[in-house]
């Protein structure tokens, strides 16, 4: 758990009571949990509301250990995965977590627990971004940050949607190799975002501007994403809103901006809205079952411990990750 906000050295191992089984919950024995950039951002200190738990982590795969009497559809022993948002008894860096049943779905049978733990946050976020931006067959798509966890799913899901014209970014040989070897891209589908003329290179590779642009990076990349848009195109961002200058670019192109907040459905108290998470997880699971999606690329750092968590946060904070980092339990 996190004993104080700040550096990764504030993570410590701790013995805590078994989480209570609340009304509407299933209690899950965590078999694997993955790491996301939001984790280290919260660790540094809350920008808004203080987290409900000092145990961080948003997604897991595990086995149902107990089911509240008010819950139907799950039984002890079921293998499940979940995007717990902030509605669980704690984050997922724990051996046991009590989670609202609406946020839980059965684990894809074709995936290991370690692979399944990598799916919820990244898979849901990428799905929402592609949907909001209108990606599909016949659309040219640009993905800023393709080698990250969300970017990997965006590339794989775009292919499943019938996208054939896709360009993404890499900033070093390792990321480029990852995109080619583990995401199935060709070398000419990747541009070096560190090059001064990478916007021009991307459009040259595409044969013009893009119908759909996903910004998974933010900062100066968001302005570049605006420049890459065709007239009447769509830009979806998981990071930040455009500045006034960037909005001027959008106006000039009659382009639409879509903010993607994957946690949004969990912010209210209407549990029927929370159910969207199970629906999205089940849809992703169906893609794995049909073979439309391959198992997600993962790196298993070790078994659950403060040391492993510190290592993961260091890699994420230094932008040294391709795909998803996972720990087992």
C-alpha atoms as a PDB file:
ATOM      1  CA  UNK A   1       0.000   0.000   0.000  1.00  0.00           C
ATOM      2  CA  UNK A   2       0.980   3.668  -0.301  1.00  0.00           C
ATOM      3  CA  UNK A   3       1.931   5.170   3.059  1.00  0.00           C
ATOM      4  CA  UNK A   4       2.073   8.741   1.687  1.00  0.00           C
ATOM      5  CA  UNK A   5       1.797  10.541  -1.639  1.00  0.00           C
ATOM      6  CA  UNK A   6       5.049  11.247  -3.447  1.00  0.00           C
ATOM      7  CA  UNK A   7       7.789   8.934  -4.660  1.00  0.00           C
ATOM      8  CA  UNK A   8       7.518   5.228  -5.429  1.00  0.00           C
ATOM      9  CA  UNK A   9       9.559   4.476  -2.303  1.00  0.00           C
ATOM     10  CA  UNK A  10       6.364   5.197  -0.337  1.00  0.00           C
ATOM     11  CA  UNK A  11       4.973   1.796  -1.333  1.00  0.00           C
ATOM     12  CA  UNK A  12       5.214  -0.737   1.508  1.00  0.00           C
ATOM     13  CA  UNK A  13       4.023  -4.287   2.101  1.00  0.00           C
ATOM     14  CA  UNK A  14       1.215  -4.425   4.689  1.00  0.00           C
ATOM     15  CA  UNK A  15      -1.041  -6.987   6.374  1.00  0.00           C
ATOM     16  CA  UNK A  16      -4.648  -5.758   6.278  1.00  0.00           C
ATOM     17  CA  UNK A  17      -8.031  -7.297   7.195  1.00  0.00           C
ATOM     18  CA  UNK A  18     -10.011  -9.199   4.574  1.00  0.00           C
ATOM     19  CA  UNK A  19     -12.194  -6.640   2.754  1.00  0.00           C
ATOM     20  CA  UNK A  20     -15.858  -6.723   3.757  1.00  0.00           C
ATOM     21  CA  UNK A  21     -18.312  -8.217   1.290  1.00  0.00           C
ATOM     22  CA  UNK A  22     -20.592  -5.255   0.665  1.00  0.00           C
ATOM     23  CA  UNK A  23     -24.108  -5.399  -0.760  1.00  0.00           C
ATOM     24  CA  UNK A  24     -23.909  -5.898  -4.530  1.00  0.00           C
ATOM     25  CA  UNK A  25     -20.292  -7.072  -4.414  1.00  0.00           C
ATOM     26  CA  UNK A  26     -18.276 -10.107  -5.292  1.00  0.00           C
ATOM     27  CA  UNK A  27     -15.015 -10.602  -3.409  1.00  0.00           C
ATOM     28  CA  UNK A  28     -12.178 -11.593  -5.697  1.00  0.00           C
ATOM     29  CA  UNK A  29      -8.917 -13.358  -4.958  1.00  0.00           C
ATOM     30  CA  UNK A  30      -6.519 -11.451  -7.187  1.00  0.00           C
ATOM     31  CA  UNK A  31      -4.427 -13.679  -9.447  1.00  0.00           C
ATOM     32  CA  UNK A  32      -2.843 -10.842 -11.440  1.00  0.00           C
ATOM     33  CA  UNK A  33      -3.000  -7.050 -11.607  1.00  0.00           C
ATOM     34  CA  UNK A  34      -1.658  -4.668 -14.215  1.00  0.00           C
ATOM     35  CA  UNK A  35      -0.207  -1.165 -14.060  1.00  0.00           C
ATOM     36  CA  UNK A  36      -1.439   1.986 -15.791  1.00  0.00           C
ATOM     37  CA  UNK A  37      -0.070   5.540 -16.098  1.00  0.00           C
ATOM     38  CA  UNK A  38      -2.933   6.824 -13.920  1.00  0.00           C
ATOM     39  CA  UNK A  39      -1.414   4.816 -11.057  1.00  0.00           C
ATOM     40  CA  UNK A  40       1.791   6.836 -10.811  1.00  0.00           C
ATOM     41  CA  UNK A  41      -0.086  10.071 -11.423  1.00  0.00           C
ATOM     42  CA  UNK A  42      -2.276   9.344  -8.382  1.00  0.00           C
ATOM     43  CA  UNK A  43       0.779   8.273  -6.379  1.00  0.00           C
ATOM     44  CA  UNK A  44       2.405  11.671  -6.917  1.00  0.00           C
ATOM     45  CA  UNK A  45      -0.541  13.344  -5.197  1.00  0.00           C
ATOM     46  CA  UNK A  46      -4.222  13.843  -5.978  1.00  0.00           C
ATOM     47  CA  UNK A  47      -5.051  16.670  -8.380  1.00  0.00           C
ATOM     48  CA  UNK A  48      -8.685  16.552  -7.284  1.00  0.00           C
ATOM     49  CA  UNK A  49     -10.498  14.270  -4.874  1.00  0.00           C
ATOM     50  CA  UNK A  50      -8.373  12.189  -2.513  1.00  0.00           C
ATOM     51  CA  UNK A  51      -8.426   8.488  -3.519  1.00  0.00           C
ATOM     52  CA  UNK A  52     -10.804   6.295  -1.524  1.00  0.00           C
ATOM     53  CA  UNK A  53      -7.972   3.877  -0.764  1.00  0.00           C
ATOM     54  CA  UNK A  54      -4.209   4.123  -0.460  1.00  0.00           C
ATOM     55  CA  UNK A  55      -4.022   0.760  -2.217  1.00  0.00           C
ATOM     56  CA  UNK A  56      -3.709   1.716  -5.874  1.00  0.00           C
ATOM     57  CA  UNK A  57      -4.474  -0.187  -9.080  1.00  0.00           C
ATOM     58  CA  UNK A  58      -7.439  -0.218 -11.459  1.00  0.00           C
ATOM     59  CA  UNK A  59      -7.621  -3.625 -13.146  1.00  0.00           C
ATOM     60  CA  UNK A  60      -7.312  -7.280 -12.189  1.00  0.00           C
ATOM     61  CA  UNK A  61      -7.952 -10.877 -13.088  1.00  0.00           C
ATOM     62  CA  UNK A  62      -8.819 -13.369 -10.404  1.00  0.00           C
ATOM     63  CA  UNK A  63     -11.158 -15.934  -8.870  1.00  0.00           C
ATOM     64  CA  UNK A  64     -14.437 -15.200  -7.103  1.00  0.00           C
ATOM     65  CA  UNK A  65     -13.966 -16.012  -3.405  1.00  0.00           C
ATOM     66  CA  UNK A  66     -17.384 -14.872  -2.082  1.00  0.00           C
ATOM     67  CA  UNK A  67     -20.658 -13.542  -3.495  1.00  0.00           C
ATOM     68  CA  UNK A  68     -23.089 -11.261  -1.649  1.00  0.00           C
ATOM     69  CA  UNK A  69     -26.591 -12.695  -1.386  1.00  0.00           C
ATOM     70  CA  UNK A  70     -27.938  -9.776  -3.452  1.00  0.00           C
ATOM     71  CA  UNK A  71     -25.786 -10.736  -6.477  1.00  0.00           C
ATOM     72  CA  UNK A  72     -26.909 -13.106  -9.208  1.00  0.00           C
ATOM     73  CA  UNK A  73     -24.842 -14.480 -12.074  1.00  0.00           C
ATOM     74  CA  UNK A  74     -21.583 -15.231 -10.244  1.00  0.00           C
ATOM     75  CA  UNK A  75     -20.500 -18.196  -8.126  1.00  0.00           C
ATOM     76  CA  UNK A  76     -17.523 -18.962  -5.940  1.00  0.00           C
ATOM     77  CA  UNK A  77     -14.704 -20.247  -8.136  1.00  0.00           C
ATOM     78  CA  UNK A  78     -15.620 -18.246 -11.254  1.00  0.00           C
ATOM     79  CA  UNK A  79     -12.608 -16.807 -13.068  1.00  0.00           C
ATOM     80  CA  UNK A  80     -13.246 -13.108 -13.685  1.00  0.00           C
ATOM     81  CA  UNK A  81     -11.610  -9.847 -14.699  1.00  0.00           C
ATOM     82  CA  UNK A  82     -12.535  -6.283 -13.801  1.00  0.00           C
ATOM     83  CA  UNK A  83     -11.933  -2.565 -14.224  1.00  0.00           C
ATOM     84  CA  UNK A  84     -12.601  -1.619 -10.594  1.00  0.00           C
ATOM     85  CA  UNK A  85     -12.515   2.174 -11.187  1.00  0.00           C
ATOM     86  CA  UNK A  86     -12.612   3.627  -7.651  1.00  0.00           C
ATOM     87  CA  UNK A  87     -15.696   1.642  -6.612  1.00  0.00           C
ATOM     88  CA  UNK A  88     -13.960  -1.403  -5.127  1.00  0.00           C
ATOM     89  CA  UNK A  89     -12.976  -1.861  -1.495  1.00  0.00           C
ATOM     90  CA  UNK A  90      -9.467  -0.846  -2.569  1.00  0.00           C
ATOM     91  CA  UNK A  91      -7.265  -0.749  -5.621  1.00  0.00           C
ATOM     92  CA  UNK A  92      -6.002  -3.951  -7.179  1.00  0.00           C
ATOM     93  CA  UNK A  93      -2.502  -4.071  -5.649  1.00  0.00           C
ATOM     94  CA  UNK A  94      -3.974  -6.474  -3.082  1.00  0.00           C
ATOM     95  CA  UNK A  95      -4.601 -10.164  -2.571  1.00  0.00           C
ATOM     96  CA  UNK A  96      -8.367  -9.719  -2.139  1.00  0.00           C
ATOM     97  CA  UNK A  97     -10.720  -6.991  -3.399  1.00  0.00           C
ATOM     98  CA  UNK A  98     -14.467  -6.557  -2.978  1.00  0.00           C
ATOM     99  CA  UNK A  99     -15.893  -5.235  -6.278  1.00  0.00           C
ATOM    100  CA  UNK A 100     -19.399  -4.197  -7.399  1.00  0.00           C
ATOM    101  CA  UNK A 101     -20.681  -7.008  -9.597  1.00  0.00           C
ATOM    102  CA  UNK A 102     -21.515  -4.532 -12.366  1.00  0.00           C
ATOM    103  CA  UNK A 103     -17.774  -3.980 -12.903  1.00  0.00           C
ATOM    104  CA  UNK A 104     -16.951  -7.679 -13.219  1.00  0.00           C
ATOM    105  CA  UNK A 105     -17.101 -10.095 -16.173  1.00  0.00           C
ATOM    106  CA  UNK A 106     -15.950 -13.637 -16.736  1.00  0.00           C
ATOM    107  CA  UNK A 107     -12.312 -13.904 -17.778  1.00  0.00           C
ATOM    108  CA  UNK A 108     -11.703 -14.756 -21.433  1.00  0.00           C
ATOM    109  CA  UNK A 109     -11.069 -18.496 -21.439  1.00  0.00           C
ATOM    110  CA  UNK A 110      -8.288 -18.155 -24.009  1.00  0.00           C
ATOM    111  CA  UNK A 111      -6.239 -15.818 -21.798  1.00  0.00           C
ATOM    112  CA  UNK A 112      -4.134 -16.486 -18.731  1.00  0.00           C
ATOM    113  CA  UNK A 113      -4.852 -14.413 -15.636  1.00  0.00           C
ATOM    114  CA  UNK A 114      -1.754 -12.327 -16.374  1.00  0.00           C
ATOM    115  CA  UNK A 115      -2.968 -11.590 -19.901  1.00  0.00           C
ATOM    116  CA  UNK A 116      -6.532 -10.888 -18.777  1.00  0.00           C
ATOM    117  CA  UNK A 117      -5.349  -8.422 -16.117  1.00  0.00           C
ATOM    118  CA  UNK A 118      -3.835  -6.310 -18.891  1.00  0.00           C
ATOM    119  CA  UNK A 119      -7.156  -5.897 -20.700  1.00  0.00           C
ATOM    120  CA  UNK A 120      -9.712  -3.858 -18.693  1.00  0.00           C
ATOM    121  CA  UNK A 121      -8.338  -0.307 -18.451  1.00  0.00           C
ATOM    122  CA  UNK A 122      -6.430  -0.270 -21.729  1.00  0.00           C
ATOM    123  CA  UNK A 123      -9.008  -2.240 -23.694  1.00  0.00           C
ATOM    124  CA  UNK A 124     -11.977  -0.171 -22.519  1.00  0.00           C
ATOM    125  CA  UNK A 125     -10.135   3.129 -23.037  1.00  0.00           C
ATOM    126  CA  UNK A 126      -9.050   2.197 -26.565  1.00  0.00           C
ATOM    127  CA  UNK A 127     -12.538   0.943 -27.431  1.00  0.00           C
ATOM    128  CA  UNK A 128     -14.125   4.208 -26.293  1.00  0.00           C
ATOM    129  CA  UNK A 129     -11.568   6.326 -28.160  1.00  0.00           C
ATOM    130  CA  UNK A 130     -12.064   4.447 -31.431  1.00  0.00           C
ATOM    131  CA  UNK A 131     -15.846   4.566 -31.078  1.00  0.00           C
ATOM    132  CA  UNK A 132     -16.001   8.280 -30.284  1.00  0.00           C
ATOM    133  CA  UNK A 133     -13.669   9.122 -33.169  1.00  0.00           C
ATOM    134  CA  UNK A 134     -15.665   7.012 -35.628  1.00  0.00           C
ATOM    135  CA  UNK A 135     -12.919   4.582 -36.644  1.00  0.00           C
ATOM    136  CA  UNK A 136     -13.910   1.926 -39.149  1.00  0.00           C
ATOM    137  CA  UNK A 137     -13.368   0.434 -42.569  1.00  0.00           C
ATOM    138  CA  UNK A 138     -12.286   2.993 -45.136  1.00  0.00           C
ATOM    139  CA  UNK A 139     -11.050   5.477 -42.515  1.00  0.00           C
ATOM    140  CA  UNK A 140      -7.416   6.579 -42.257  1.00  0.00           C
ATOM    141  CA  UNK A 141      -6.334   6.456 -38.589  1.00  0.00           C
ATOM    142  CA  UNK A 142      -3.388   8.049 -36.787  1.00  0.00           C
ATOM    143  CA  UNK A 143      -2.471   6.832 -33.279  1.00  0.00           C
ATOM    144  CA  UNK A 144      -0.126   8.990 -31.211  1.00  0.00           C
ATOM    145  CA  UNK A 145       1.534   6.636 -28.734  1.00  0.00           C
ATOM    146  CA  UNK A 146       0.935   3.252 -30.329  1.00  0.00           C
ATOM    147  CA  UNK A 147       3.486   1.302 -28.284  1.00  0.00           C
ATOM    148  CA  UNK A 148       1.812   1.956 -24.934  1.00  0.00           C
ATOM    149  CA  UNK A 149      -0.895  -0.135 -23.322  1.00  0.00           C
ATOM    150  CA  UNK A 150      -3.857   1.812 -24.727  1.00  0.00           C
ATOM    151  CA  UNK A 151      -2.077   2.301 -28.049  1.00  0.00           C
ATOM    152  CA  UNK A 152      -1.542  -1.432 -28.438  1.00  0.00           C
ATOM    153  CA  UNK A 153      -5.250  -2.102 -27.974  1.00  0.00           C
ATOM    154  CA  UNK A 154      -6.154   0.790 -30.281  1.00  0.00           C
ATOM    155  CA  UNK A 155      -4.057  -0.762 -33.063  1.00  0.00           C
ATOM    156  CA  UNK A 156      -5.398  -4.278 -32.513  1.00  0.00           C
ATOM    157  CA  UNK A 157      -9.026  -3.131 -32.221  1.00  0.00           C
ATOM    158  CA  UNK A 158      -8.727  -0.822 -35.238  1.00  0.00           C
ATOM    159  CA  UNK A 159      -7.645  -3.795 -37.322  1.00  0.00           C
ATOM    160  CA  UNK A 160     -10.652  -5.757 -36.035  1.00  0.00           C
ATOM    161  CA  UNK A 161     -12.886  -2.824 -37.091  1.00  0.00           C
ATOM    162  CA  UNK A 162     -11.589  -3.097 -40.630  1.00  0.00           C
ATOM    163  CA  UNK A 163      -9.115  -0.187 -40.568  1.00  0.00           C
ATOM    164  CA  UNK A 164      -6.436  -0.747 -43.201  1.00  0.00           C
ATOM    165  CA  UNK A 165      -4.766   2.685 -43.283  1.00  0.00           C
ATOM    166  CA  UNK A 166      -3.098   3.261 -39.909  1.00  0.00           C
ATOM    167  CA  UNK A 167       0.013   5.209 -38.944  1.00  0.00           C
ATOM    168  CA  UNK A 168       1.466   5.442 -35.453  1.00  0.00           C
ATOM    169  CA  UNK A 169       4.500   6.856 -33.647  1.00  0.00           C
ATOM    170  CA  UNK A 170       7.641   5.485 -32.041  1.00  0.00           C
ATOM    171  CA  UNK A 171      10.493   7.376 -30.429  1.00  0.00           C
ATOM    172  CA  UNK A 172      13.172   4.695 -30.249  1.00  0.00           C
ATOM    173  CA  UNK A 173      14.220   1.414 -31.903  1.00  0.00           C
ATOM    174  CA  UNK A 174      12.743  -0.676 -29.084  1.00  0.00           C
ATOM    175  CA  UNK A 175       9.265   0.815 -29.543  1.00  0.00           C
ATOM    176  CA  UNK A 176       9.528   0.438 -33.314  1.00  0.00           C
ATOM    177  CA  UNK A 177      10.518  -3.228 -32.957  1.00  0.00           C
ATOM    178  CA  UNK A 178       7.629  -3.790 -30.524  1.00  0.00           C
ATOM    179  CA  UNK A 179       5.103  -2.325 -32.965  1.00  0.00           C
ATOM    180  CA  UNK A 180       6.403  -4.499 -35.790  1.00  0.00           C
ATOM    181  CA  UNK A 181       6.920  -7.750 -33.901  1.00  0.00           C
ATOM    182  CA  UNK A 182       4.032  -7.689 -31.422  1.00  0.00           C
ATOM    183  CA  UNK A 183       1.419  -5.480 -33.096  1.00  0.00           C
ATOM    184  CA  UNK A 184       1.967  -6.664 -36.666  1.00  0.00           C
ATOM    185  CA  UNK A 185       2.680  -3.255 -38.218  1.00  0.00           C
ATOM    186  CA  UNK A 186       4.913  -2.662 -41.225  1.00  0.00           C
ATOM    187  CA  UNK A 187       7.914  -0.377 -40.871  1.00  0.00           C
ATOM    188  CA  UNK A 188       6.340   2.243 -43.129  1.00  0.00           C
ATOM    189  CA  UNK A 189       3.350   2.512 -40.760  1.00  0.00           C
ATOM    190  CA  UNK A 190       5.581   3.981 -38.046  1.00  0.00           C
ATOM    191  CA  UNK A 191       6.967   7.533 -37.872  1.00  0.00           C
ATOM    192  CA  UNK A 192       9.569   8.875 -35.454  1.00  0.00           C
ATOM    193  CA  UNK A 193       7.808  11.563 -33.414  1.00  0.00           C
ATOM    194  CA  UNK A 194      11.186  13.078 -32.501  1.00  0.00           C
ATOM    195  CA  UNK A 195      11.781  14.089 -36.118  1.00  0.00           C
ATOM    196  CA  UNK A 196      11.071  17.778 -36.725  1.00  0.00           C
ATOM    197  CA  UNK A 197       8.977  16.964 -39.807  1.00  0.00           C
ATOM    198  CA  UNK A 198       7.126  13.920 -38.447  1.00  0.00           C
ATOM    199  CA  UNK A 199       3.707  15.462 -39.193  1.00  0.00           C
ATOM    200  CA  UNK A 200       4.639  15.837 -42.853  1.00  0.00           C
ATOM    201  CA  UNK A 201       6.097  12.323 -42.901  1.00  0.00           C
ATOM    202  CA  UNK A 202       2.930  10.853 -41.416  1.00  0.00           C
ATOM    203  CA  UNK A 203       0.731  12.550 -44.010  1.00  0.00           C
ATOM    204  CA  UNK A 204       3.076  11.490 -46.806  1.00  0.00           C
ATOM    205  CA  UNK A 205       2.859   7.870 -45.635  1.00  0.00           C
ATOM    206  CA  UNK A 206      -0.929   8.152 -45.512  1.00  0.00           C
ATOM    207  CA  UNK A 207      -1.312  10.036 -48.771  1.00  0.00           C
ATOM    208  CA  UNK A 208      -2.958  12.981 -47.033  1.00  0.00           C
ATOM    209  CA  UNK A 209      -4.547  14.013 -43.739  1.00  0.00           C
ATOM    210  CA  UNK A 210      -6.365  11.583 -41.428  1.00  0.00           C
ATOM    211  CA  UNK A 211     -10.059  10.927 -40.839  1.00  0.00           C
ATOM    212  CA  UNK A 212      -9.479   9.724 -37.276  1.00  0.00           C
ATOM    213  CA  UNK A 213      -6.728  10.780 -34.869  1.00  0.00           C
ATOM    214  CA  UNK A 214      -6.194   9.378 -31.360  1.00  0.00           C
ATOM    215  CA  UNK A 215      -4.025  11.351 -28.938  1.00  0.00           C
ATOM    216  CA  UNK A 216      -2.744   9.031 -26.224  1.00  0.00           C
ATOM    217  CA  UNK A 217       0.223  11.245 -25.296  1.00  0.00           C
ATOM    218  CA  UNK A 218      -0.808  14.871 -24.767  1.00  0.00           C
ATOM    219  CA  UNK A 219       1.443  17.905 -24.515  1.00  0.00           C
ATOM    220  CA  UNK A 220       2.946  19.043 -27.803  1.00  0.00           C
ATOM    221  CA  UNK A 221       1.634  15.879 -29.435  1.00  0.00           C
ATOM    222  CA  UNK A 222      -1.912  17.180 -29.145  1.00  0.00           C
ATOM    223  CA  UNK A 223      -1.088  20.141 -31.381  1.00  0.00           C
ATOM    224  CA  UNK A 224       0.509  17.778 -33.908  1.00  0.00           C
ATOM    225  CA  UNK A 225      -2.633  15.650 -33.818  1.00  0.00           C
ATOM    226  CA  UNK A 226      -4.733  18.709 -34.657  1.00  0.00           C
ATOM    227  CA  UNK A 227      -2.471  19.415 -37.629  1.00  0.00           C
ATOM    228  CA  UNK A 228      -2.928  15.859 -38.908  1.00  0.00           C
ATOM    229  CA  UNK A 229      -6.720  16.129 -39.146  1.00  0.00           C
ATOM    230  CA  UNK A 230      -8.555  16.217 -42.442  1.00  0.00           C
ATOM    231  CA  UNK A 231     -11.619  18.408 -42.928  1.00  0.00           C
ATOM    232  CA  UNK A 232     -14.608  16.937 -41.036  1.00  0.00           C
ATOM    233  CA  UNK A 233     -12.274  14.578 -39.149  1.00  0.00           C
ATOM    234  CA  UNK A 234     -12.489  13.467 -35.507  1.00  0.00           C
ATOM    235  CA  UNK A 235      -9.871  13.757 -32.750  1.00  0.00           C
ATOM    236  CA  UNK A 236     -10.204  11.730 -29.530  1.00  0.00           C
ATOM    237  CA  UNK A 237      -7.866  12.358 -26.597  1.00  0.00           C
ATOM    238  CA  UNK A 238      -7.399  10.467 -23.333  1.00  0.00           C
ATOM    239  CA  UNK A 239      -5.062  13.131 -21.960  1.00  0.00           C
ATOM    240  CA  UNK A 240      -6.214  16.755 -22.078  1.00  0.00           C
ATOM    241  CA  UNK A 241      -8.354  19.339 -23.841  1.00  0.00           C
ATOM    242  CA  UNK A 242      -6.972  21.442 -26.714  1.00  0.00           C
ATOM    243  CA  UNK A 243      -5.713  24.960 -26.040  1.00  0.00           C
ATOM    244  CA  UNK A 244      -7.391  27.974 -27.625  1.00  0.00           C
ATOM    245  CA  UNK A 245      -4.840  27.913 -30.463  1.00  0.00           C
ATOM    246  CA  UNK A 246      -5.505  24.217 -31.031  1.00  0.00           C
ATOM    247  CA  UNK A 247      -9.244  24.811 -31.080  1.00  0.00           C
ATOM    248  CA  UNK A 248      -8.653  27.352 -33.843  1.00  0.00           C
ATOM    249  CA  UNK A 249      -7.098  24.546 -35.908  1.00  0.00           C
ATOM    250  CA  UNK A 250     -10.158  22.407 -35.238  1.00  0.00           C
ATOM    251  CA  UNK A 251     -12.480  25.229 -36.318  1.00  0.00           C
ATOM    252  CA  UNK A 252     -10.548  25.700 -39.552  1.00  0.00           C
ATOM    253  CA  UNK A 253     -11.058  22.014 -40.356  1.00  0.00           C
ATOM    254  CA  UNK A 254     -14.630  21.698 -39.062  1.00  0.00           C
ATOM    255  CA  UNK A 255     -13.196  18.884 -36.944  1.00  0.00           C
ATOM    256  CA  UNK A 256     -14.672  17.400 -33.772  1.00  0.00           C
ATOM    257  CA  UNK A 257     -12.882  16.874 -30.452  1.00  0.00           C
ATOM    258  CA  UNK A 258     -13.876  14.032 -28.145  1.00  0.00           C
ATOM    259  CA  UNK A 259     -12.612  13.719 -24.571  1.00  0.00           C
ATOM    260  CA  UNK A 260     -12.311  10.106 -23.421  1.00  0.00           C
ATOM    261  CA  UNK A 261     -12.657   9.438 -19.691  1.00  0.00           C
ATOM    262  CA  UNK A 262     -12.945   5.696 -19.188  1.00  0.00           C
ATOM    263  CA  UNK A 263     -13.875   6.146 -15.512  1.00  0.00           C
ATOM    264  CA  UNK A 264     -16.839   8.435 -16.312  1.00  0.00           C
ATOM    265  CA  UNK A 265     -19.577   5.800 -15.952  1.00  0.00           C
ATOM    266  CA  UNK A 266     -18.467   5.086 -12.376  1.00  0.00           C
ATOM    267  CA  UNK A 267     -18.715   8.654 -11.079  1.00  0.00           C
ATOM    268  CA  UNK A 268     -22.452   8.652 -10.394  1.00  0.00           C
ATOM    269  CA  UNK A 269     -24.471   6.438  -8.066  1.00  0.00           C
ATOM    270  CA  UNK A 270     -26.650   4.755 -10.714  1.00  0.00           C
ATOM    271  CA  UNK A 271     -25.537   1.122 -10.713  1.00  0.00           C
ATOM    272  CA  UNK A 272     -27.278   0.493 -14.038  1.00  0.00           C
ATOM    273  CA  UNK A 273     -24.732   2.885 -15.587  1.00  0.00           C
ATOM    274  CA  UNK A 274     -21.882   0.986 -13.926  1.00  0.00           C
ATOM    275  CA  UNK A 275     -23.115  -2.062 -15.850  1.00  0.00           C
ATOM    276  CA  UNK A 276     -21.571  -0.527 -18.999  1.00  0.00           C
ATOM    277  CA  UNK A 277     -18.227  -1.834 -17.730  1.00  0.00           C
ATOM    278  CA  UNK A 278     -19.383  -5.437 -17.694  1.00  0.00           C
ATOM    279  CA  UNK A 279     -20.879  -4.973 -21.160  1.00  0.00           C
ATOM    280  CA  UNK A 280     -17.595  -3.609 -22.538  1.00  0.00           C
ATOM    281  CA  UNK A 281     -15.554  -6.335 -20.869  1.00  0.00           C
ATOM    282  CA  UNK A 282     -17.860  -9.004 -22.287  1.00  0.00           C
ATOM    283  CA  UNK A 283     -17.493  -7.493 -25.756  1.00  0.00           C
ATOM    284  CA  UNK A 284     -13.701  -7.583 -25.457  1.00  0.00           C
ATOM    285  CA  UNK A 285     -13.905 -11.158 -24.175  1.00  0.00           C
ATOM    286  CA  UNK A 286     -15.947 -12.127 -27.241  1.00  0.00           C
ATOM    287  CA  UNK A 287     -13.232 -10.701 -29.503  1.00  0.00           C
ATOM    288  CA  UNK A 288     -10.626 -12.889 -27.775  1.00  0.00           C
ATOM    289  CA  UNK A 289     -12.885 -15.948 -27.951  1.00  0.00           C
ATOM    290  CA  UNK A 290     -13.451 -15.511 -31.691  1.00  0.00           C
ATOM    291  CA  UNK A 291      -9.764 -14.952 -32.403  1.00  0.00           C
ATOM    292  CA  UNK A 292     -10.425 -11.406 -33.663  1.00  0.00           C
ATOM    293  CA  UNK A 293      -8.032 -10.176 -30.960  1.00  0.00           C
ATOM    294  CA  UNK A 294      -4.745 -11.927 -30.153  1.00  0.00           C
ATOM    295  CA  UNK A 295      -3.604 -12.177 -26.514  1.00  0.00           C
ATOM    296  CA  UNK A 296      -2.327  -8.777 -25.363  1.00  0.00           C
ATOM    297  CA  UNK A 297       1.465  -8.348 -25.185  1.00  0.00           C
ATOM    298  CA  UNK A 298       2.549  -8.253 -21.537  1.00  0.00           C
ATOM    299  CA  UNK A 299       5.651  -8.169 -19.392  1.00  0.00           C
ATOM    300  CA  UNK A 300       5.311  -9.964 -16.033  1.00  0.00           C
ATOM    301  CA  UNK A 301       7.539  -8.168 -13.540  1.00  0.00           C
ATOM    302  CA  UNK A 302       7.137 -10.678 -10.714  1.00  0.00           C
ATOM    303  CA  UNK A 303       4.782 -11.583  -7.881  1.00  0.00           C
ATOM    304  CA  UNK A 304       2.871  -8.937  -5.948  1.00  0.00           C
ATOM    305  CA  UNK A 305       5.115  -6.950  -3.618  1.00  0.00           C
ATOM    306  CA  UNK A 306       6.089  -3.382  -2.870  1.00  0.00           C
ATOM    307  CA  UNK A 307       9.368  -3.955  -4.729  1.00  0.00           C
ATOM    308  CA  UNK A 308       7.572  -4.997  -7.921  1.00  0.00           C
ATOM    309  CA  UNK A 309       5.172  -2.054  -7.647  1.00  0.00           C
ATOM    310  CA  UNK A 310       8.079   0.368  -7.253  1.00  0.00           C
ATOM    311  CA  UNK A 311       9.749  -1.112 -10.341  1.00  0.00           C
ATOM    312  CA  UNK A 312       6.574  -0.785 -12.412  1.00  0.00           C
ATOM    313  CA  UNK A 313       6.014   2.821 -11.378  1.00  0.00           C
ATOM    314  CA  UNK A 314       9.585   3.705 -12.254  1.00  0.00           C
ATOM    315  CA  UNK A 315       9.213   2.265 -15.739  1.00  0.00           C
ATOM    316  CA  UNK A 316       5.859   3.961 -16.339  1.00  0.00           C
ATOM    317  CA  UNK A 317       6.997   7.323 -15.032  1.00  0.00           C
ATOM    318  CA  UNK A 318      10.050   7.247 -17.288  1.00  0.00           C
ATOM    319  CA  UNK A 319       7.997   6.288 -20.345  1.00  0.00           C
ATOM    320  CA  UNK A 320       9.975   3.052 -20.668  1.00  0.00           C
ATOM    321  CA  UNK A 321       7.065   0.675 -21.299  1.00  0.00           C
ATOM    322  CA  UNK A 322       5.826  -1.126 -24.392  1.00  0.00           C
ATOM    323  CA  UNK A 323       2.463  -2.856 -23.966  1.00  0.00           C
ATOM    324  CA  UNK A 324       1.350  -3.642 -20.412  1.00  0.00           C
ATOM    325  CA  UNK A 325       3.220  -4.400 -17.197  1.00  0.00           C
ATOM    326  CA  UNK A 326       1.691  -7.079 -14.967  1.00  0.00           C
ATOM    327  CA  UNK A 327       2.324  -8.666 -11.595  1.00  0.00           C
ATOM    328  CA  UNK A 328       0.955 -12.016 -10.455  1.00  0.00           C
ATOM    329  CA  UNK A 329      -0.243 -12.989  -6.995  1.00  0.00           C
END
